[in-house]
Amino acid sequence: MTPMRAWRRTNLGTEADRATFRTLHSASLASPALRRGLTAESAERSIRHLRSLLGTPAMALTDTATALAWDGTGAHHREQTDALVTATLERGTTRVFDRPDLTCADSGCPVRTAVVSPLVVEERIVGTLQAFAPYSTAGLARAADEVATWVSGQLELAELDASRTRAIEAEVRALRAQISPHFIYNSLGAIASFVRTDPDRARELLLEFADFTRYSFRSHGDFTTLAEELRSVERYLLLEQARFGDRLTVTLSIAPEVLPVAVPFLCIQPLVENAVRHGLANVEGAGHVRIVALDRGQECVIEVEDDGVGEDPERVRRALAGDASLDSVGLGNVDSRLRNTFGDDFGLVVETAPGAGTKVIVRVPKFAPGVQP
């Protein structure tokens, strides 16, 4: 029998394999900083890794006016980068600059030429990548241009992330503006009605109102836990029950396993407000709101249901599409934010018909990249 020999890794493959690994590794190290946008901090954090991609003695990253970061030898040339930016912006393409543009009294300085490539985001030049070397070659020019294109792609992703964040913040502000008048006026009216007849209850309701508004108008975080969202919903319902009295009954059935799940801020309360306003406000006699949160393996399922007047499915479709003419508190807003956060598979599902009540179903994954309270 031939004896078995222990297998031992002796290398990472061919020299081409190792070069590919080094390139990908350097790019992965530069990417996180660039995904925050082009700033002095992100330039400082990424420039060393970008220079290793090109293997040049020095490199600069600039905005459209001045240098943000320099790495390598010949730092006395940094003061010349502004002029290189101006000349590159005039042409809008990669340019090569030689000794007349890089005057230097140091005879041993390796910086004798510069390849300057524009950084472009959404067809707009936002800065430059400047690679400095002893002499210019066609290969260096092509490589600098490719690295600049990759950097531009990372900056474009950063801009998309920032745009998405701004859009979500605008949606939340719009939702607050839509909810607050209805709720504040009705709540204060209900509290006022108890000031003389039941001062203790008026005081308790006022504290609940303060806690609810403090949560609803907080200024930090796009996400919260389901536990926090439901706690705010309970406060809302206490205030509405003070208004409707025995006409409003509420049932909550919450699986404790899903309480820590991260959800978009103000994604459940608007659905409950819709249930109260549209489901019960126009019903003679008592109405019932049922809120259920279920553990479904990798997902959490939340249901908000009322036994009220129901709705025309076509109007619901228009509300989900964002029709501002419909008096529906945040339905399209919540649907949009759920889809933007978790994907199109996680939009709202609404089951309703005239006279049949309404059930709104929310599905969220228990764990999603980048989503945490």
Protein backbone atom coordinates (compact mmCIF):
# COMPACT_ATOMS: atom_id res chain seq x y z
CA MET A 1 0.00 0.00 0.00
CA THR A 2 1.32 3.41 -0.95
CA PRO A 3 1.68 5.56 2.17
CA MET A 4 -0.51 8.65 2.29
CA ARG A 5 1.32 11.96 2.28
CA ALA A 6 -0.02 15.02 4.06
CA TRP A 7 -1.18 17.70 1.64
CA ARG A 8 0.37 21.08 2.17
CA ARG A 9 -0.45 24.36 0.48
CA THR A 10 2.84 25.69 -0.90
CA ASN A 11 1.57 28.78 -2.72
CA LEU A 12 -1.50 30.74 -3.80
CA GLY A 13 -1.29 29.57 -7.40
CA THR A 14 0.44 31.26 -10.31
CA GLU A 15 1.91 34.73 -10.22
CA ALA A 16 -1.17 35.92 -12.13
CA ASP A 17 -3.39 34.42 -9.41
CA ARG A 18 -1.39 36.18 -6.71
CA ALA A 19 -1.53 39.48 -8.58
CA THR A 20 -5.29 39.15 -8.94
CA PHE A 21 -5.63 38.43 -5.23
CA ARG A 22 -3.53 41.47 -4.31
CA THR A 23 -5.59 43.69 -6.59
CA LEU A 24 -8.92 42.49 -5.22
CA HIS A 25 -7.64 42.76 -1.66
CA SER A 26 -6.50 46.36 -2.15
CA ALA A 27 -9.81 47.27 -3.77
CA SER A 28 -11.77 45.70 -0.92
CA LEU A 29 -9.76 47.73 1.61
CA ALA A 30 -10.38 51.00 -0.23
CA SER A 31 -14.07 50.45 -0.90
CA PRO A 32 -15.61 51.01 2.59
CA ALA A 33 -14.19 54.53 2.90
CA LEU A 34 -15.14 55.51 -0.66
CA ARG A 35 -18.70 54.30 -0.07
CA ARG A 36 -19.02 57.21 2.39
CA GLY A 37 -18.42 59.74 -0.38
CA LEU A 38 -15.46 61.88 -1.40
CA THR A 39 -14.24 63.70 1.70
CA ALA A 40 -10.86 64.42 3.26
CA GLU A 41 -11.42 61.53 5.69
CA SER A 42 -12.45 58.99 3.05
CA ALA A 43 -9.57 60.08 0.81
CA GLU A 44 -7.04 59.63 3.63
CA ARG A 45 -8.42 56.19 4.47
CA SER A 46 -8.45 54.89 0.89
CA ILE A 47 -5.49 56.49 -0.87
CA ARG A 48 -2.81 54.07 0.37
CA HIS A 49 -4.78 51.11 -0.96
CA LEU A 50 -5.46 52.87 -4.26
CA ARG A 51 -1.76 53.63 -4.71
CA SER A 52 -0.95 49.96 -4.20
CA LEU A 53 -3.27 49.15 -7.11
CA LEU A 54 -1.11 51.24 -9.44
CA GLY A 55 2.27 50.73 -7.76
CA THR A 56 3.29 54.35 -8.28
CA PRO A 57 5.67 56.30 -6.00
CA ALA A 58 2.96 58.81 -5.10
CA MET A 59 -0.73 59.56 -5.49
CA ALA A 60 -3.16 62.36 -4.70
CA LEU A 61 -6.93 62.45 -4.41
CA THR A 62 -8.63 65.80 -4.89
CA ASP A 63 -12.03 67.38 -5.09
CA THR A 64 -12.66 69.95 -7.83
CA ALA A 65 -10.52 72.57 -6.10
CA THR A 66 -7.74 71.18 -3.96
CA ALA A 67 -5.98 68.06 -2.68
CA LEU A 68 -7.81 65.97 -0.09
CA ALA A 69 -5.03 63.44 0.51
CA TRP A 70 -1.48 62.59 -0.60
CA ASP A 71 0.33 59.27 -0.21
CA GLY A 72 3.91 58.38 -1.08
CA THR A 73 7.09 60.27 -1.71
CA GLY A 74 7.56 63.77 -3.12
CA ALA A 75 4.99 65.45 -0.86
CA HIS A 76 6.43 68.83 -1.89
CA HIS A 77 4.55 68.35 -5.17
CA ARG A 78 1.23 68.42 -3.34
CA GLU A 79 1.00 72.20 -3.83
CA GLN A 80 0.99 71.60 -7.61
CA THR A 81 -2.09 69.39 -7.55
CA ASP A 82 -4.51 72.33 -7.68
CA ALA A 83 -3.19 73.43 -11.07
CA LEU A 84 -3.47 69.84 -12.36
CA VAL A 85 -7.11 69.76 -11.22
CA THR A 86 -7.91 72.97 -13.09
CA ALA A 87 -6.25 71.76 -16.30
CA THR A 88 -8.02 68.39 -16.12
CA LEU A 89 -11.44 69.95 -15.49
CA GLU A 90 -11.02 72.10 -18.61
CA ARG A 91 -10.68 69.01 -20.79
CA GLY A 92 -12.80 66.58 -18.77
CA THR A 93 -10.68 63.53 -19.66
CA THR A 94 -7.52 61.81 -18.42
CA ARG A 95 -4.41 63.94 -18.95
CA VAL A 96 -0.66 63.36 -18.69
CA PHE A 97 1.57 66.08 -17.27
CA ASP A 98 5.35 66.11 -17.62
CA ARG A 99 8.30 67.95 -16.07
CA PRO A 100 7.32 71.47 -17.20
CA ASP A 101 4.17 71.09 -15.10
CA LEU A 102 5.97 69.43 -12.15
CA THR A 103 9.00 71.61 -11.55
CA CYS A 104 11.24 70.27 -8.79
CA ALA A 105 14.64 71.27 -7.36
CA ASP A 106 15.28 67.75 -5.99
CA SER A 107 17.33 65.89 -8.61
CA GLY A 108 16.59 62.54 -6.96
CA CYS A 109 12.81 63.03 -6.76
CA PRO A 110 10.97 60.18 -8.50
CA VAL A 111 8.00 62.43 -9.30
CA ARG A 112 8.57 63.53 -12.88
CA THR A 113 5.21 62.86 -14.50
CA ALA A 114 1.56 62.76 -13.47
CA VAL A 115 -1.48 60.97 -14.89
CA VAL A 116 -4.63 62.77 -13.78
CA SER A 117 -8.05 61.14 -14.29
CA PRO A 118 -11.38 62.76 -13.44
CA LEU A 119 -13.73 61.18 -10.90
CA VAL A 120 -17.25 61.30 -12.30
CA VAL A 121 -20.54 60.83 -10.42
CA GLU A 122 -23.80 61.07 -12.35
CA GLU A 123 -22.03 62.70 -15.31
CA ARG A 124 -20.56 65.35 -13.01
CA ILE A 125 -16.84 65.63 -12.22
CA VAL A 126 -16.41 65.63 -8.44
CA GLY A 127 -12.63 65.33 -8.20
CA THR A 128 -9.50 63.73 -9.63
CA LEU A 129 -7.17 60.80 -9.07
CA GLN A 130 -3.55 61.83 -9.65
CA ALA A 131 -0.87 59.15 -10.09
CA PHE A 132 2.76 60.33 -9.97
CA ALA A 133 5.69 58.37 -11.46
CA PRO A 134 9.26 58.83 -12.79
CA TYR A 135 8.05 58.62 -16.39
CA SER A 136 4.80 58.15 -18.26
CA THR A 137 3.69 55.05 -20.12
CA ALA A 138 0.57 54.13 -22.02
CA GLY A 139 0.02 51.31 -19.51
CA LEU A 140 0.09 53.70 -16.54
CA ALA A 141 -2.39 56.02 -18.25
CA ARG A 142 -4.80 53.15 -18.93
CA ALA A 143 -4.40 51.75 -15.41
CA ALA A 144 -4.98 55.16 -13.79
CA ASP A 145 -8.06 55.66 -15.92
CA GLU A 146 -9.43 52.22 -14.91
CA VAL A 147 -8.79 52.84 -11.20
CA ALA A 148 -10.46 56.26 -11.48
CA THR A 149 -13.46 54.62 -13.14
CA TRP A 150 -13.68 52.10 -10.29
CA VAL A 151 -13.39 54.86 -7.68
CA SER A 152 -16.12 56.80 -9.51
CA GLY A 153 -18.34 53.73 -9.28
CA GLN A 154 -17.83 53.52 -5.52
CA LEU A 155 -18.62 57.24 -5.16
CA GLU A 156 -21.74 56.76 -7.29
CA LEU A 157 -22.89 54.02 -4.92
CA ALA A 158 -22.23 56.38 -2.01
CA GLU A 159 -24.40 59.01 -3.68
CA LEU A 160 -27.17 56.46 -4.23
CA ASP A 161 -26.99 55.46 -0.55
CA ALA A 162 -27.16 59.11 0.47
CA SER A 163 -30.09 59.76 -1.89
CA ARG A 164 -31.93 56.75 -0.51
CA THR A 165 -31.33 57.95 3.05
CA ARG A 166 -32.58 61.44 2.18
CA ALA A 167 -35.66 59.96 0.50
CA ILE A 168 -36.49 57.80 3.53
CA GLU A 169 -36.02 60.77 5.87
CA ALA A 170 -38.31 62.87 3.67
CA GLU A 171 -40.93 60.09 3.69
CA VAL A 172 -40.85 59.89 7.48
CA ARG A 173 -41.16 63.68 7.77
CA ALA A 174 -44.13 63.59 5.38
CA LEU A 175 -45.73 60.81 7.41
CA ARG A 176 -45.33 62.74 10.65
CA ALA A 177 -46.89 65.80 9.06
CA GLN A 178 -49.79 63.69 7.82
CA ILE A 179 -50.46 61.94 11.12
CA SER A 180 -49.92 64.70 13.64
CA PRO A 181 -52.89 67.04 12.96
CA HIS A 182 -55.50 64.27 13.16
CA PHE A 183 -54.03 62.68 16.21
CA ILE A 184 -53.02 65.76 18.21
CA TYR A 185 -56.36 67.54 17.88
CA ASN A 186 -58.38 64.47 18.81
CA SER A 187 -56.10 63.48 21.69
CA LEU A 188 -56.03 66.92 23.26
CA GLY A 189 -59.80 67.10 22.93
CA ALA A 190 -60.20 63.76 24.71
CA ILE A 191 -57.79 64.77 27.47
CA ALA A 192 -59.58 68.09 27.94
CA SER A 193 -62.86 66.27 28.41
CA PHE A 194 -61.45 64.54 31.54
CA VAL A 195 -59.76 67.57 33.14
CA ARG A 196 -62.79 68.39 35.33
CA THR A 197 -64.55 65.04 35.57
CA ASP A 198 -61.53 62.78 36.15
CA PRO A 199 -58.28 64.75 36.72
CA ASP A 200 -56.22 61.63 37.48
CA ARG A 201 -57.13 60.04 34.17
CA ALA A 202 -56.48 63.30 32.36
CA ARG A 203 -53.01 63.37 33.91
CA GLU A 204 -52.32 59.75 32.87
CA LEU A 205 -53.51 60.40 29.34
CA LEU A 206 -51.37 63.51 29.11
CA LEU A 207 -48.30 61.46 30.07
CA GLU A 208 -49.20 58.84 27.44
CA PHE A 209 -49.62 61.62 24.89
CA ALA A 210 -46.20 63.03 25.79
CA ASP A 211 -44.53 59.62 25.46
CA PHE A 212 -46.25 58.95 22.14
CA THR A 213 -45.24 62.27 20.60
CA ARG A 214 -41.69 61.93 21.96
CA TYR A 215 -41.35 58.61 20.12
CA SER A 216 -43.10 59.75 16.95
CA PHE A 217 -41.00 62.88 16.56
CA ARG A 218 -37.63 61.48 17.60
CA SER A 219 -34.83 62.59 15.30
CA HIS A 220 -32.51 59.58 15.18
CA GLY A 221 -32.64 56.20 13.50
CA ASP A 222 -34.50 54.85 10.47
CA PHE A 223 -35.34 51.63 12.32
CA THR A 224 -36.68 50.56 15.66
CA THR A 225 -37.63 47.28 17.31
CA LEU A 226 -41.09 45.84 16.92
CA ALA A 227 -41.39 46.06 20.71
CA GLU A 228 -40.85 49.84 20.63
CA GLU A 229 -43.22 50.29 17.70
CA LEU A 230 -45.95 48.28 19.44
CA ARG A 231 -45.42 50.19 22.68
CA SER A 232 -46.12 53.39 20.76
CA VAL A 233 -49.18 51.76 19.18
CA GLU A 234 -50.51 50.88 22.64
CA ARG A 235 -50.17 54.50 23.73
CA TYR A 236 -52.00 55.61 20.60
CA LEU A 237 -54.83 53.17 21.24
CA LEU A 238 -55.16 54.25 24.89
CA LEU A 239 -55.67 57.81 23.72
CA GLU A 240 -58.17 56.75 21.05
CA GLN A 241 -60.09 54.62 23.56
CA ALA A 242 -60.35 57.72 25.75
CA ARG A 243 -62.05 59.35 22.78
CA PHE A 244 -64.28 56.47 21.61
CA GLY A 245 -64.92 54.82 24.99
CA ASP A 246 -66.69 51.49 24.75
CA ARG A 247 -67.09 51.91 20.99
CA LEU A 248 -63.47 50.79 20.49
CA THR A 249 -62.17 47.42 21.66
CA VAL A 250 -58.65 46.17 20.97
CA THR A 251 -57.07 42.72 20.92
CA LEU A 252 -53.30 42.23 20.83
CA SER A 253 -51.64 38.87 20.32
CA ILE A 254 -47.87 39.18 20.11
CA ALA A 255 -45.34 36.35 19.92
CA PRO A 256 -42.50 37.33 22.30
CA GLU A 257 -39.92 35.86 19.88
CA VAL A 258 -40.50 38.67 17.38
CA LEU A 259 -40.31 41.63 19.75
CA PRO A 260 -36.57 42.28 19.04
CA VAL A 261 -37.09 42.26 15.24
CA ALA A 262 -35.96 45.49 13.54
CA VAL A 263 -38.65 47.30 11.55
CA PRO A 264 -38.81 50.68 9.80
CA PHE A 265 -39.68 53.48 12.20
CA LEU A 266 -43.44 54.30 12.18
CA CYS A 267 -44.46 51.37 10.01
CA ILE A 268 -47.21 49.89 12.22
CA GLN A 269 -48.82 52.90 13.89
CA PRO A 270 -50.12 54.41 10.60
CA LEU A 271 -51.84 51.11 9.82
CA VAL A 272 -53.52 51.12 13.23
CA GLU A 273 -54.58 54.72 12.78
CA ASN A 274 -56.15 53.78 9.44
CA ALA A 275 -58.00 50.95 11.15
CA VAL A 276 -59.43 53.34 13.74
CA ARG A 277 -60.18 56.26 11.42
CA HIS A 278 -61.52 54.45 8.37
CA GLY A 279 -62.59 51.19 9.93
CA LEU A 280 -64.43 52.38 13.01
CA ALA A 281 -65.06 56.10 12.98
CA ASN A 282 -68.09 55.76 10.67
CA VAL A 283 -69.52 52.57 12.20
CA GLU A 284 -72.60 52.63 14.38
CA GLY A 285 -72.01 50.78 17.62
CA ALA A 286 -68.76 49.15 18.73
CA GLY A 287 -65.80 48.34 16.56
CA HIS A 288 -62.87 46.00 17.06
CA VAL A 289 -59.19 46.33 16.13
CA ARG A 290 -57.02 43.22 16.21
CA ILE A 291 -53.21 43.35 16.11
CA VAL A 292 -51.24 40.13 15.76
CA ALA A 293 -47.48 39.54 15.47
CA LEU A 294 -46.48 36.00 14.47
CA ASP A 295 -43.19 34.09 14.34
CA ARG A 296 -42.88 32.48 10.89
CA GLY A 297 -39.39 31.00 10.83
CA GLN A 298 -37.15 33.50 9.01
CA GLU A 299 -39.90 36.11 8.94
CA CYS A 300 -42.12 38.07 11.28
CA VAL A 301 -45.72 38.60 10.17
CA ILE A 302 -47.78 41.48 11.58
CA GLU A 303 -51.51 41.77 10.94
CA VAL A 304 -53.68 44.81 11.64
CA GLU A 305 -57.36 44.03 11.19
CA ASP A 306 -60.63 45.86 11.82
CA ASP A 307 -64.26 44.85 11.43
CA GLY A 308 -65.31 48.23 10.08
CA VAL A 309 -66.79 49.48 6.85
CA GLY A 310 -64.07 48.13 4.57
CA GLU A 311 -62.79 49.80 1.43
CA ASP A 312 -62.95 49.62 -2.35
CA PRO A 313 -59.91 47.56 -3.46
CA GLU A 314 -59.27 50.00 -6.30
CA ARG A 315 -58.94 52.87 -3.82
CA VAL A 316 -56.51 50.77 -1.80
CA ARG A 317 -54.46 50.12 -4.94
CA ARG A 318 -54.31 53.86 -5.60
CA ALA A 319 -53.33 54.56 -1.99
CA LEU A 320 -50.49 52.05 -2.21
CA ALA A 321 -49.38 53.75 -5.41
CA GLY A 322 -49.10 57.02 -3.48
CA ASP A 323 -52.24 58.84 -4.62
CA ALA A 324 -52.15 61.94 -2.40
CA SER A 325 -55.81 62.77 -3.06
CA LEU A 326 -56.95 59.84 -0.91
CA ASP A 327 -57.41 60.31 2.83
CA SER A 328 -55.33 57.29 3.81
CA VAL A 329 -52.77 57.84 6.55
CA GLY A 330 -49.39 56.76 5.23
CA LEU A 331 -50.43 53.54 3.46
CA GLY A 332 -48.33 54.23 0.37
CA ASN A 333 -45.58 55.70 2.53
CA VAL A 334 -45.28 52.56 4.66
CA ASP A 335 -45.46 50.29 1.61
CA SER A 336 -42.71 52.27 -0.13
CA ARG A 337 -40.38 52.19 2.87
CA LEU A 338 -40.87 48.46 3.40
CA ARG A 339 -40.03 47.77 -0.26
CA ASN A 340 -37.02 50.09 -0.21
CA THR A 341 -35.70 48.42 2.93
CA PHE A 342 -36.40 44.74 2.34
CA GLY A 343 -37.24 44.43 -1.37
CA ASP A 344 -40.42 44.26 -3.43
CA ASP A 345 -41.41 40.91 -1.91
CA PHE A 346 -42.10 42.68 1.40
CA GLY A 347 -44.69 45.28 0.46
CA LEU A 348 -48.04 45.58 2.22
CA VAL A 349 -50.81 43.09 1.50
CA VAL A 350 -54.31 44.51 2.01
CA GLU A 351 -57.43 42.35 2.16
CA THR A 352 -60.65 44.38 2.07
CA ALA A 353 -64.02 44.93 0.44
CA PRO A 354 -66.94 47.28 1.14
CA GLY A 355 -68.72 46.12 4.30
CA ALA A 356 -66.15 43.39 5.01
CA GLY A 357 -63.59 45.14 7.19
CA THR A 358 -59.89 45.43 6.37
CA LYS A 359 -56.81 43.40 7.13
CA VAL A 360 -53.31 44.73 6.42
CA ILE A 361 -50.46 42.22 6.48
CA VAL A 362 -46.83 43.21 7.00
CA ARG A 363 -44.00 40.71 6.46
CA VAL A 364 -40.46 41.56 7.51
CA PRO A 365 -37.36 39.33 7.64
CA LYS A 366 -36.02 38.72 11.12
CA PHE A 367 -32.54 39.56 9.91
CA ALA A 368 -31.62 41.84 7.01
CA PRO A 369 -28.21 43.31 6.08
CA GLY A 370 -27.80 46.89 7.25
CA VAL A 371 -31.08 46.90 9.19
CA GLN A 372 -30.72 47.37 12.90
CA PRO A 373 -32.51 49.53 15.49
